[in-house]
Amino acid sequence: MKITIKSEDFPDGKIVDWSAVPGTGDWVSFHYLGGTTHQQVSRVEYDADRDGNLTEVTVTLTY
């Protein structure tokens, strides 16, 4: 599922392809060459069209 994440590292949003949407309060880990950063989900927004079909999910992360 295509999900847009927003965080301090990605203020304009970054599209990721995750199999599930994390819930508010969940932790997400990103692994970099320099280490790992752990960020908590502070907000999840679901957008749907007029027929009720899910069109977009935006997940906001905080440290």
PDB file of N, CA and C in Angstrom:
ATOM      1  N   MET A   1       0.846  -1.163   0.000  1.00  0.00           N
ATOM      2  CA  MET A   1       0.000   0.000   0.000  1.00  0.00           C
ATOM      3  C   MET A   1       0.896   1.232   0.000  1.00  0.00           C
ATOM      4  N   LYS A   2       0.579   2.180  -0.821  1.00  0.00           N
ATOM      5  CA  LYS A   2       1.331   3.429  -0.875  1.00  0.00           C
ATOM      6  C   LYS A   2       0.899   4.323   0.285  1.00  0.00           C
ATOM      7  N   ILE A   3       1.875   4.738   1.080  1.00  0.00           N
ATOM      8  CA  ILE A   3       1.628   5.565   2.256  1.00  0.00           C
ATOM      9  C   ILE A   3       2.576   6.751   2.188  1.00  0.00           C
ATOM     10  N   THR A   4       2.091   7.940   2.509  1.00  0.00           N
ATOM     11  CA  THR A   4       2.944   9.113   2.608  1.00  0.00           C
ATOM     12  C   THR A   4       3.322   9.298   4.064  1.00  0.00           C
ATOM     13  N   ILE A   5       4.627   9.366   4.334  1.00  0.00           N
ATOM     14  CA  ILE A   5       5.068   9.640   5.702  1.00  0.00           C
ATOM     15  C   ILE A   5       5.615  11.057   5.765  1.00  0.00           C
ATOM     16  N   LYS A   6       5.344  11.703   6.877  1.00  0.00           N
ATOM     17  CA  LYS A   6       5.871  13.043   7.132  1.00  0.00           C
ATOM     18  C   LYS A   6       6.582  13.007   8.475  1.00  0.00           C
ATOM     19  N   SER A   7       7.758  13.604   8.507  1.00  0.00           N
ATOM     20  CA  SER A   7       8.539  13.651   9.736  1.00  0.00           C
ATOM     21  C   SER A   7       9.542  14.787   9.631  1.00  0.00           C
ATOM     22  N   GLU A   8      10.361  14.926  10.644  1.00  0.00           N
ATOM     23  CA  GLU A   8      11.421  15.939  10.615  1.00  0.00           C
ATOM     24  C   GLU A   8      12.367  15.665   9.443  1.00  0.00           C
ATOM     25  N   ASP A   9      12.614  14.390   9.169  1.00  0.00           N
ATOM     26  CA  ASP A   9      13.491  14.015   8.060  1.00  0.00           C
ATOM     27  C   ASP A   9      12.831  14.196   6.694  1.00  0.00           C
ATOM     28  N   PHE A  10      11.504  14.091   6.642  1.00  0.00           N
ATOM     29  CA  PHE A  10      10.746  14.191   5.388  1.00  0.00           C
ATOM     30  C   PHE A  10       9.592  15.182   5.553  1.00  0.00           C
ATOM     31  N   PRO A  11       9.877  16.495   5.738  1.00  0.00           N
ATOM     32  CA  PRO A  11       8.805  17.462   6.004  1.00  0.00           C
ATOM     33  C   PRO A  11       7.818  17.615   4.848  1.00  0.00           C
ATOM     34  N   ASP A  12       8.261  17.377   3.624  1.00  0.00           N
ATOM     35  CA  ASP A  12       7.373  17.485   2.467  1.00  0.00           C
ATOM     36  C   ASP A  12       6.705  16.157   2.132  1.00  0.00           C
ATOM     37  N   GLY A  13       7.029  15.131   2.899  1.00  0.00           N
ATOM     38  CA  GLY A  13       6.438  13.821   2.694  1.00  0.00           C
ATOM     39  C   GLY A  13       7.312  12.914   1.847  1.00  0.00           C
ATOM     40  N   LYS A  14       7.246  11.645   2.137  1.00  0.00           N
ATOM     41  CA  LYS A  14       7.965  10.619   1.380  1.00  0.00           C
ATOM     42  C   LYS A  14       6.996   9.463   1.185  1.00  0.00           C
ATOM     43  N   ILE A  15       6.875   9.007  -0.046  1.00  0.00           N
ATOM     44  CA  ILE A  15       5.970   7.897  -0.334  1.00  0.00           C
ATOM     45  C   ILE A  15       6.712   6.588  -0.121  1.00  0.00           C
ATOM     46  N   VAL A  16       6.104   5.714   0.679  1.00  0.00           N
ATOM     47  CA  VAL A  16       6.670   4.397   0.950  1.00  0.00           C
ATOM     48  C   VAL A  16       5.637   3.339   0.560  1.00  0.00           C
ATOM     49  N   ASP A  17       6.096   2.127   0.362  1.00  0.00           N
ATOM     50  CA  ASP A  17       5.210   1.020   0.001  1.00  0.00           C
ATOM     51  C   ASP A  17       5.277  -0.004   1.131  1.00  0.00           C
ATOM     52  N   TRP A  18       4.359   0.121   2.102  1.00  0.00           N
ATOM     53  CA  TRP A  18       4.312  -0.754   3.265  1.00  0.00           C
ATOM     54  C   TRP A  18       3.105  -1.671   3.145  1.00  0.00           C
ATOM     55  N   SER A  19       3.197  -2.837   3.739  1.00  0.00           N
ATOM     56  CA  SER A  19       2.097  -3.803   3.664  1.00  0.00           C
ATOM     57  C   SER A  19       0.954  -3.465   4.617  1.00  0.00           C
ATOM     58  N   ALA A  20       1.227  -2.641   5.633  1.00  0.00           N
ATOM     59  CA  ALA A  20       0.190  -2.276   6.607  1.00  0.00           C
ATOM     60  C   ALA A  20       0.421  -0.844   7.078  1.00  0.00           C
ATOM     61  N   VAL A  21      -0.643  -0.223   7.532  1.00  0.00           N
ATOM     62  CA  VAL A  21      -0.566   1.143   8.056  1.00  0.00           C
ATOM     63  C   VAL A  21      -0.321   1.059   9.560  1.00  0.00           C
ATOM     64  N   PRO A  22       0.756   1.701  10.069  1.00  0.00           N
ATOM     65  CA  PRO A  22       0.964   1.694  11.511  1.00  0.00           C
ATOM     66  C   PRO A  22      -0.082   2.559  12.197  1.00  0.00           C
ATOM     67  N   GLY A  23      -0.398   2.230  13.424  1.00  0.00           N
ATOM     68  CA  GLY A  23      -1.394   2.981  14.172  1.00  0.00           C
ATOM     69  C   GLY A  23      -0.763   4.063  15.029  1.00  0.00           C
ATOM     70  N   THR A  24      -1.571   4.983  15.487  1.00  0.00           N
ATOM     71  CA  THR A  24      -1.101   6.039  16.377  1.00  0.00           C
ATOM     72  C   THR A  24      -0.486   5.394  17.614  1.00  0.00           C
ATOM     73  N   GLY A  25       0.720   5.843  17.969  1.00  0.00           N
ATOM     74  CA  GLY A  25       1.438   5.296  19.113  1.00  0.00           C
ATOM     75  C   GLY A  25       2.431   4.210  18.749  1.00  0.00           C
ATOM     76  N   ASP A  26       2.315   3.633  17.550  1.00  0.00           N
ATOM     77  CA  ASP A  26       3.274   2.619  17.107  1.00  0.00           C
ATOM     78  C   ASP A  26       4.628   3.257  16.838  1.00  0.00           C
ATOM     79  N   TRP A  27       5.676   2.446  16.869  1.00  0.00           N
ATOM     80  CA  TRP A  27       7.029   2.897  16.575  1.00  0.00           C
ATOM     81  C   TRP A  27       7.464   2.375  15.219  1.00  0.00           C
ATOM     82  N   VAL A  28       8.166   3.225  14.452  1.00  0.00           N
ATOM     83  CA  VAL A  28       8.705   2.866  13.145  1.00  0.00           C
ATOM     84  C   VAL A  28      10.209   3.085  13.208  1.00  0.00           C
ATOM     85  N   SER A  29      10.989   2.126  12.709  1.00  0.00           N
ATOM     86  CA  SER A  29      12.452   2.238  12.715  1.00  0.00           C
ATOM     87  C   SER A  29      12.959   2.370  11.291  1.00  0.00           C
ATOM     88  N   PHE A  30      13.876   3.300  11.088  1.00  0.00           N
ATOM     89  CA  PHE A  30      14.536   3.478   9.804  1.00  0.00           C
ATOM     90  C   PHE A  30      16.012   3.175  10.003  1.00  0.00           C
ATOM     91  N   HIS A  31      16.555   2.318   9.157  1.00  0.00           N
ATOM     92  CA  HIS A  31      17.957   1.925   9.249  1.00  0.00           C
ATOM     93  C   HIS A  31      18.771   2.699   8.213  1.00  0.00           C
ATOM     94  N   TYR A  32      19.798   3.404   8.675  1.00  0.00           N
ATOM     95  CA  TYR A  32      20.690   4.176   7.820  1.00  0.00           C
ATOM     96  C   TYR A  32      22.092   3.624   7.964  1.00  0.00           C
ATOM     97  N   LEU A  33      22.996   4.059   7.097  1.00  0.00           N
ATOM     98  CA  LEU A  33      24.390   3.649   7.219  1.00  0.00           C
ATOM     99  C   LEU A  33      24.972   4.051   8.568  1.00  0.00           C
ATOM    100  N   GLY A  34      24.545   5.203   9.086  1.00  0.00           N
ATOM    101  CA  GLY A  34      25.073   5.702  10.348  1.00  0.00           C
ATOM    102  C   GLY A  34      24.367   5.165  11.578  1.00  0.00           C
ATOM    103  N   GLY A  35      23.334   4.369  11.412  1.00  0.00           N
ATOM    104  CA  GLY A  35      22.620   3.839  12.566  1.00  0.00           C
ATOM    105  C   GLY A  35      21.139   3.674  12.283  1.00  0.00           C
ATOM    106  N   THR A  36      20.371   3.671  13.336  1.00  0.00           N
ATOM    107  CA  THR A  36      18.929   3.471  13.247  1.00  0.00           C
ATOM    108  C   THR A  36      18.221   4.583  13.996  1.00  0.00           C
ATOM    109  N   THR A  37      17.142   5.079  13.427  1.00  0.00           N
ATOM    110  CA  THR A  37      16.321   6.078  14.102  1.00  0.00           C
ATOM    111  C   THR A  37      14.940   5.471  14.363  1.00  0.00           C
ATOM    112  N   HIS A  38      14.426   5.716  15.556  1.00  0.00           N
ATOM    113  CA  HIS A  38      13.116   5.211  15.945  1.00  0.00           C
ATOM    114  C   HIS A  38      12.170   6.402  16.076  1.00  0.00           C
ATOM    115  N   GLN A  39      11.031   6.344  15.395  1.00  0.00           N
ATOM    116  CA  GLN A  39      10.076   7.442  15.421  1.00  0.00           C
ATOM    117  C   GLN A  39       8.692   6.896  15.738  1.00  0.00           C
ATOM    118  N   GLN A  40       7.947   7.666  16.519  1.00  0.00           N
ATOM    119  CA  GLN A  40       6.613   7.236  16.927  1.00  0.00           C
ATOM    120  C   GLN A  40       5.557   7.870  16.030  1.00  0.00           C
ATOM    121  N   VAL A  41       4.526   7.095  15.722  1.00  0.00           N
ATOM    122  CA  VAL A  41       3.417   7.590  14.912  1.00  0.00           C
ATOM    123  C   VAL A  41       2.561   8.496  15.788  1.00  0.00           C
ATOM    124  N   SER A  42       2.460   9.767  15.392  1.00  0.00           N
ATOM    125  CA  SER A  42       1.671  10.717  16.183  1.00  0.00           C
ATOM    126  C   SER A  42       0.305  10.994  15.556  1.00  0.00           C
ATOM    127  N   ARG A  43       0.168  10.662  14.260  1.00  0.00           N
ATOM    128  CA  ARG A  43      -1.102  10.944  13.583  1.00  0.00           C
ATOM    129  C   ARG A  43      -1.219  10.080  12.330  1.00  0.00           C
ATOM    130  N   VAL A  44      -2.412   9.599  12.060  1.00  0.00           N
ATOM    131  CA  VAL A  44      -2.697   8.856  10.836  1.00  0.00           C
ATOM    132  C   VAL A  44      -3.931   9.476  10.206  1.00  0.00           C
ATOM    133  N   GLU A  45      -3.816   9.873   8.934  1.00  0.00           N
ATOM    134  CA  GLU A  45      -4.943  10.474   8.215  1.00  0.00           C
ATOM    135  C   GLU A  45      -5.311   9.584   7.030  1.00  0.00           C
ATOM    136  N   TYR A  46      -6.578   9.240   6.951  1.00  0.00           N
ATOM    137  CA  TYR A  46      -7.103   8.449   5.838  1.00  0.00           C
ATOM    138  C   TYR A  46      -7.960   9.354   4.972  1.00  0.00           C
ATOM    139  N   ASP A  47      -7.736   9.328   3.661  1.00  0.00           N
ATOM    140  CA  ASP A  47      -8.554  10.084   2.718  1.00  0.00           C
ATOM    141  C   ASP A  47      -9.289   9.103   1.816  1.00  0.00           C
ATOM    142  N   ALA A  48     -10.566   9.385   1.572  1.00  0.00           N
ATOM    143  CA  ALA A  48     -11.384   8.530   0.719  1.00  0.00           C
ATOM    144  C   ALA A  48     -12.120   9.389  -0.298  1.00  0.00           C
ATOM    145  N   ASP A  49     -12.475   8.771  -1.415  1.00  0.00           N
ATOM    146  CA  ASP A  49     -13.267   9.478  -2.409  1.00  0.00           C
ATOM    147  C   ASP A  49     -14.742   9.444  -2.000  1.00  0.00           C
ATOM    148  N   ARG A  50     -15.610  10.041  -2.801  1.00  0.00           N
ATOM    149  CA  ARG A  50     -17.031  10.152  -2.432  1.00  0.00           C
ATOM    150  C   ARG A  50     -17.732   8.802  -2.337  1.00  0.00           C
ATOM    151  N   ASP A  51     -17.148   7.769  -2.968  1.00  0.00           N
ATOM    152  CA  ASP A  51     -17.732   6.431  -2.902  1.00  0.00           C
ATOM    153  C   ASP A  51     -17.225   5.628  -1.698  1.00  0.00           C
ATOM    154  N   GLY A  52     -16.325   6.243  -0.927  1.00  0.00           N
ATOM    155  CA  GLY A  52     -15.794   5.563   0.256  1.00  0.00           C
ATOM    156  C   GLY A  52     -14.557   4.730  -0.004  1.00  0.00           C
ATOM    157  N   ASN A  53     -14.003   4.831  -1.200  1.00  0.00           N
ATOM    158  CA  ASN A  53     -12.781   4.084  -1.519  1.00  0.00           C
ATOM    159  C   ASN A  53     -11.561   4.819  -0.979  1.00  0.00           C
ATOM    160  N   LEU A  54     -10.690   4.111  -0.300  1.00  0.00           N
ATOM    161  CA  LEU A  54      -9.480   4.694   0.259  1.00  0.00           C
ATOM    162  C   LEU A  54      -8.586   5.186  -0.869  1.00  0.00           C
ATOM    163  N   THR A  55      -8.183   6.460  -0.803  1.00  0.00           N
ATOM    164  CA  THR A  55      -7.353   7.028  -1.857  1.00  0.00           C
ATOM    165  C   THR A  55      -5.946   7.368  -1.373  1.00  0.00           C
ATOM    166  N   GLU A  56      -5.787   7.655  -0.080  1.00  0.00           N
ATOM    167  CA  GLU A  56      -4.483   8.073   0.424  1.00  0.00           C
ATOM    168  C   GLU A  56      -4.428   7.890   1.930  1.00  0.00           C
ATOM    169  N   VAL A  57      -3.225   7.539   2.412  1.00  0.00           N
ATOM    170  CA  VAL A  57      -2.971   7.462   3.849  1.00  0.00           C
ATOM    171  C   VAL A  57      -1.723   8.286   4.127  1.00  0.00           C
ATOM    172  N   THR A  58      -1.801   9.176   5.121  1.00  0.00           N
ATOM    173  CA  THR A  58      -0.640   9.980   5.525  1.00  0.00           C
ATOM    174  C   THR A  58      -0.353   9.667   6.989  1.00  0.00           C
ATOM    175  N   VAL A  59       0.915   9.307   7.263  1.00  0.00           N
ATOM    176  CA  VAL A  59       1.356   8.970   8.609  1.00  0.00           C
ATOM    177  C   VAL A  59       2.368  10.011   9.046  1.00  0.00           C
ATOM    178  N   THR A  60       2.131  10.662  10.192  1.00  0.00           N
ATOM    179  CA  THR A  60       3.057  11.656  10.719  1.00  0.00           C
ATOM    180  C   THR A  60       3.849  11.026  11.859  1.00  0.00           C
ATOM    181  N   LEU A  61       5.191  11.173  11.788  1.00  0.00           N
ATOM    182  CA  LEU A  61       6.093  10.572  12.766  1.00  0.00           C
ATOM    183  C   LEU A  61       6.788  11.653  13.584  1.00  0.00           C
ATOM    184  N   THR A  62       7.051  11.367  14.858  1.00  0.00           N
ATOM    185  CA  THR A  62       7.813  12.252  15.726  1.00  0.00           C
ATOM    186  C   THR A  62       8.883  11.427  16.426  1.00  0.00           C
ATOM    187  N   TYR A  63       9.930  12.100  16.894  1.00  0.00           N
ATOM    188  CA  TYR A  63      11.005  11.410  17.636  1.00  0.00           C
ATOM    189  C   TYR A  63      10.578  11.151  19.047  1.00  0.00           C
TER     190      TYR A  63
END
